[in-house]
Amino acid sequence: MSQKTPRQSWMATLARASRAEIESLLGDPPEHDLLKAPETGTVMVEGRAGGAGRRFNLGEATVTRCVVRLSNGRMGFSYALGRDGRKARLAALLDARLQDEAEGSGLHQGVATLAAQQASARDLASRKAAATKVDFFTLVRGA
């Protein structure tokens, strides 16, 4: 399994974040041009039997995407589950700002904190689910 690049990591964090979390990280939106206004479509979601088995089509999910360009020429992209065009636009703006080393240093810290909160929430949900696990077994009567 390959390691994620820093950009892949922050894009994944932004995709899972709520609009309010993204707004608090970004602050006032910078000047920008919309290259692709937020547009909503569907994607096919794949699953794996048992999490590691054969792939199968689970169903479709609604996704909104957006592409922006800041005044300094940096482009930002985003894909977000659902129909929230504002979230997709703000996430694209944040992606563009995070690409700038000088400007993005404080933002990287905020995204890292958000990623840690998301990991903690996933861990808690996983532990709650594991607590309800039931092991089924078969008893053989007589031999």
C-alpha atoms as a PDB file:
ATOM      1  CA  MET A   1       0.000   0.000   0.000  1.00  0.00           C
ATOM      2  CA  SER A   2       1.463   3.363  -0.974  1.00  0.00           C
ATOM      3  CA  GLN A   3       1.757   6.357   1.331  1.00  0.00           C
ATOM      4  CA  LYS A   4      -0.482   9.371   0.746  1.00  0.00           C
ATOM      5  CA  THR A   5       1.077  12.644  -0.324  1.00  0.00           C
ATOM      6  CA  PRO A   6       0.415  15.640   1.966  1.00  0.00           C
ATOM      7  CA  ARG A   7      -2.098  16.994  -0.547  1.00  0.00           C
ATOM      8  CA  GLN A   8      -3.982  13.699  -0.714  1.00  0.00           C
ATOM      9  CA  SER A   9      -4.188  13.725   3.082  1.00  0.00           C
ATOM     10  CA  TRP A  10      -5.563  17.255   3.356  1.00  0.00           C
ATOM     11  CA  MET A  11      -7.989  16.684   0.477  1.00  0.00           C
ATOM     12  CA  ALA A  12      -9.348  13.593   2.272  1.00  0.00           C
ATOM     13  CA  THR A  13      -9.678  15.577   5.499  1.00  0.00           C
ATOM     14  CA  LEU A  14     -11.525  18.405   3.730  1.00  0.00           C
ATOM     15  CA  ALA A  15     -13.848  15.935   1.980  1.00  0.00           C
ATOM     16  CA  ARG A  16     -14.889  14.509   5.374  1.00  0.00           C
ATOM     17  CA  ALA A  17     -15.167  17.914   7.108  1.00  0.00           C
ATOM     18  CA  SER A  18     -18.398  19.828   7.568  1.00  0.00           C
ATOM     19  CA  ARG A  19     -18.983  23.204   5.938  1.00  0.00           C
ATOM     20  CA  ALA A  20     -18.710  24.942   9.329  1.00  0.00           C
ATOM     21  CA  GLU A  21     -15.309  23.347   9.980  1.00  0.00           C
ATOM     22  CA  ILE A  22     -14.036  24.437   6.564  1.00  0.00           C
ATOM     23  CA  GLU A  23     -15.379  27.976   7.048  1.00  0.00           C
ATOM     24  CA  SER A  24     -13.626  28.269  10.410  1.00  0.00           C
ATOM     25  CA  LEU A  25     -10.304  27.142   8.891  1.00  0.00           C
ATOM     26  CA  LEU A  26     -10.519  29.365   5.814  1.00  0.00           C
ATOM     27  CA  GLY A  27     -11.750  32.593   7.377  1.00  0.00           C
ATOM     28  CA  ASP A  28     -12.590  35.249   4.786  1.00  0.00           C
ATOM     29  CA  PRO A  29     -12.575  33.739   1.274  1.00  0.00           C
ATOM     30  CA  PRO A  30      -9.732  35.154  -0.859  1.00  0.00           C
ATOM     31  CA  GLU A  31     -10.230  36.751  -4.282  1.00  0.00           C
ATOM     32  CA  HIS A  32     -10.693  34.005  -6.844  1.00  0.00           C
ATOM     33  CA  ASP A  33     -12.133  32.991 -10.191  1.00  0.00           C
ATOM     34  CA  LEU A  34     -14.488  30.051 -10.597  1.00  0.00           C
ATOM     35  CA  LEU A  35     -13.099  27.749 -13.279  1.00  0.00           C
ATOM     36  CA  LYS A  36     -15.849  25.195 -12.645  1.00  0.00           C
ATOM     37  CA  ALA A  37     -18.742  26.391 -10.560  1.00  0.00           C
ATOM     38  CA  PRO A  38     -20.003  23.844  -8.022  1.00  0.00           C
ATOM     39  CA  GLU A  39     -21.800  21.125  -9.940  1.00  0.00           C
ATOM     40  CA  THR A  40     -23.541  18.065  -8.587  1.00  0.00           C
ATOM     41  CA  GLY A  41     -23.513  14.588 -10.073  1.00  0.00           C
ATOM     42  CA  THR A  42     -23.315  10.950  -9.058  1.00  0.00           C
ATOM     43  CA  VAL A  43     -20.489   8.465  -8.708  1.00  0.00           C
ATOM     44  CA  MET A  44     -20.577   4.693  -8.336  1.00  0.00           C
ATOM     45  CA  VAL A  45     -19.508   3.519  -4.888  1.00  0.00           C
ATOM     46  CA  GLU A  46     -17.681   0.206  -4.702  1.00  0.00           C
ATOM     47  CA  GLY A  47     -17.516  -2.080  -1.704  1.00  0.00           C
ATOM     48  CA  ARG A  48     -15.472  -5.127  -0.820  1.00  0.00           C
ATOM     49  CA  ALA A  49     -16.858  -8.257   0.774  1.00  0.00           C
ATOM     50  CA  GLY A  50     -15.481  -8.352   4.290  1.00  0.00           C
ATOM     51  CA  GLY A  51     -13.529  -5.167   3.615  1.00  0.00           C
ATOM     52  CA  ALA A  52     -10.820  -7.033   1.681  1.00  0.00           C
ATOM     53  CA  GLY A  53     -12.654  -9.430  -0.650  1.00  0.00           C
ATOM     54  CA  ARG A  54     -13.909  -9.066  -4.185  1.00  0.00           C
ATOM     55  CA  ARG A  55     -15.212  -5.693  -5.337  1.00  0.00           C
ATOM     56  CA  PHE A  56     -18.884  -5.111  -5.962  1.00  0.00           C
ATOM     57  CA  ASN A  57     -20.994  -2.068  -6.871  1.00  0.00           C
ATOM     58  CA  LEU A  58     -22.609  -0.840  -3.665  1.00  0.00           C
ATOM     59  CA  GLY A  59     -24.669   1.932  -5.258  1.00  0.00           C
ATOM     60  CA  GLU A  60     -24.490   5.560  -6.303  1.00  0.00           C
ATOM     61  CA  ALA A  61     -23.595   8.597  -4.208  1.00  0.00           C
ATOM     62  CA  THR A  62     -24.262  12.282  -4.889  1.00  0.00           C
ATOM     63  CA  VAL A  63     -21.059  14.349  -5.168  1.00  0.00           C
ATOM     64  CA  THR A  64     -20.437  18.062  -5.737  1.00  0.00           C
ATOM     65  CA  ARG A  65     -17.201  19.276  -7.307  1.00  0.00           C
ATOM     66  CA  CYS A  66     -15.646  22.702  -7.794  1.00  0.00           C
ATOM     67  CA  VAL A  67     -12.468  24.218  -9.279  1.00  0.00           C
ATOM     68  CA  VAL A  68     -11.159  27.702  -8.423  1.00  0.00           C
ATOM     69  CA  ARG A  69      -8.109  29.818  -9.264  1.00  0.00           C
ATOM     70  CA  LEU A  70      -6.699  32.343  -6.810  1.00  0.00           C
ATOM     71  CA  SER A  71      -5.302  35.714  -7.912  1.00  0.00           C
ATOM     72  CA  ASN A  72      -1.750  34.281  -7.540  1.00  0.00           C
ATOM     73  CA  GLY A  73      -2.558  31.572 -10.128  1.00  0.00           C
ATOM     74  CA  ARG A  74      -2.869  28.606  -7.753  1.00  0.00           C
ATOM     75  CA  MET A  75      -5.746  26.270  -8.558  1.00  0.00           C
ATOM     76  CA  GLY A  76      -7.828  24.457  -5.973  1.00  0.00           C
ATOM     77  CA  PHE A  77     -10.077  21.449  -6.440  1.00  0.00           C
ATOM     78  CA  SER A  78     -12.663  19.741  -4.289  1.00  0.00           C
ATOM     79  CA  TYR A  79     -15.106  16.860  -4.266  1.00  0.00           C
ATOM     80  CA  ALA A  80     -17.667  16.647  -1.481  1.00  0.00           C
ATOM     81  CA  LEU A  81     -20.399  14.113  -0.788  1.00  0.00           C
ATOM     82  CA  GLY A  82     -23.850  15.632  -1.073  1.00  0.00           C
ATOM     83  CA  ARG A  83     -25.225  18.743  -2.748  1.00  0.00           C
ATOM     84  CA  ASP A  84     -23.547  21.490  -0.710  1.00  0.00           C
ATOM     85  CA  GLY A  85     -22.048  23.741  -3.398  1.00  0.00           C
ATOM     86  CA  ARG A  86     -20.793  26.277  -0.840  1.00  0.00           C
ATOM     87  CA  LYS A  87     -18.839  23.575   0.991  1.00  0.00           C
ATOM     88  CA  ALA A  88     -17.274  22.411  -2.297  1.00  0.00           C
ATOM     89  CA  ARG A  89     -16.291  25.986  -3.194  1.00  0.00           C
ATOM     90  CA  LEU A  90     -14.774  26.698   0.237  1.00  0.00           C
ATOM     91  CA  ALA A  91     -12.887  23.388   0.217  1.00  0.00           C
ATOM     92  CA  ALA A  92     -11.442  24.238  -3.224  1.00  0.00           C
ATOM     93  CA  LEU A  93     -10.335  27.650  -1.925  1.00  0.00           C
ATOM     94  CA  LEU A  94      -8.712  26.020   1.079  1.00  0.00           C
ATOM     95  CA  ASP A  95      -6.958  23.499  -1.176  1.00  0.00           C
ATOM     96  CA  ALA A  96      -5.501  26.334  -3.263  1.00  0.00           C
ATOM     97  CA  ARG A  97      -4.289  28.209  -0.163  1.00  0.00           C
ATOM     98  CA  LEU A  98      -2.770  25.056   1.361  1.00  0.00           C
ATOM     99  CA  GLN A  99      -0.573  24.609  -1.728  1.00  0.00           C
ATOM    100  CA  ASP A 100       1.275  27.863  -0.941  1.00  0.00           C
ATOM    101  CA  GLU A 101       4.044  27.064   1.569  1.00  0.00           C
ATOM    102  CA  ALA A 102       4.237  30.591   3.007  1.00  0.00           C
ATOM    103  CA  GLU A 103       0.506  31.218   3.263  1.00  0.00           C
ATOM    104  CA  GLY A 104      -0.528  27.690   4.141  1.00  0.00           C
ATOM    105  CA  SER A 105       1.675  26.998   7.177  1.00  0.00           C
ATOM    106  CA  GLY A 106      -0.946  28.039   9.750  1.00  0.00           C
ATOM    107  CA  LEU A 107      -3.671  26.366   7.724  1.00  0.00           C
ATOM    108  CA  HIS A 108      -1.753  23.074   7.688  1.00  0.00           C
ATOM    109  CA  GLN A 109      -1.806  23.044  11.470  1.00  0.00           C
ATOM    110  CA  GLY A 110      -5.572  23.578  11.483  1.00  0.00           C
ATOM    111  CA  VAL A 111      -6.111  20.791   8.965  1.00  0.00           C
ATOM    112  CA  ALA A 112      -3.865  18.458  10.991  1.00  0.00           C
ATOM    113  CA  THR A 113      -5.963  19.175  14.090  1.00  0.00           C
ATOM    114  CA  LEU A 114      -9.144  18.491  12.129  1.00  0.00           C
ATOM    115  CA  ALA A 115      -7.675  15.218  10.795  1.00  0.00           C
ATOM    116  CA  ALA A 116      -6.824  14.146  14.350  1.00  0.00           C
ATOM    117  CA  GLN A 117     -10.391  14.897  15.477  1.00  0.00           C
ATOM    118  CA  GLN A 118     -11.758  12.861  12.559  1.00  0.00           C
ATOM    119  CA  ALA A 119      -9.431   9.940  13.383  1.00  0.00           C
ATOM    120  CA  SER A 120     -10.521  10.060  17.020  1.00  0.00           C
ATOM    121  CA  ALA A 121     -14.202  10.011  16.022  1.00  0.00           C
ATOM    122  CA  ARG A 122     -13.591   7.049  13.658  1.00  0.00           C
ATOM    123  CA  ASP A 123     -11.743   5.193  16.425  1.00  0.00           C
ATOM    124  CA  LEU A 124     -14.576   5.787  18.891  1.00  0.00           C
ATOM    125  CA  ALA A 125     -17.186   4.592  16.379  1.00  0.00           C
ATOM    126  CA  SER A 126     -15.058   1.513  15.641  1.00  0.00           C
ATOM    127  CA  ARG A 127     -14.730   0.682  19.341  1.00  0.00           C
ATOM    128  CA  LYS A 128     -18.492   1.090  19.846  1.00  0.00           C
ATOM    129  CA  ALA A 129     -19.175  -1.230  16.921  1.00  0.00           C
ATOM    130  CA  ALA A 130     -16.641  -3.797  18.177  1.00  0.00           C
ATOM    131  CA  ALA A 131     -18.377  -3.845  21.560  1.00  0.00           C
ATOM    132  CA  THR A 132     -21.571  -5.109  19.899  1.00  0.00           C
ATOM    133  CA  LYS A 133     -19.846  -7.893  17.946  1.00  0.00           C
ATOM    134  CA  VAL A 134     -21.435 -11.309  18.319  1.00  0.00           C
ATOM    135  CA  ASP A 135     -19.429 -14.461  17.611  1.00  0.00           C
ATOM    136  CA  PHE A 136     -21.569 -17.270  16.259  1.00  0.00           C
ATOM    137  CA  PHE A 137     -20.378 -20.843  16.485  1.00  0.00           C
ATOM    138  CA  THR A 138     -21.812 -24.279  15.927  1.00  0.00           C
ATOM    139  CA  LEU A 139     -21.851 -27.003  18.557  1.00  0.00           C
ATOM    140  CA  VAL A 140     -21.578 -30.547  17.289  1.00  0.00           C
ATOM    141  CA  ARG A 141     -23.840 -32.885  19.260  1.00  0.00           C
ATOM    142  CA  GLY A 142     -22.817 -36.438  19.652  1.00  0.00           C
ATOM    143  CA  ALA A 143     -19.989 -37.838  17.690  1.00  0.00           C
END
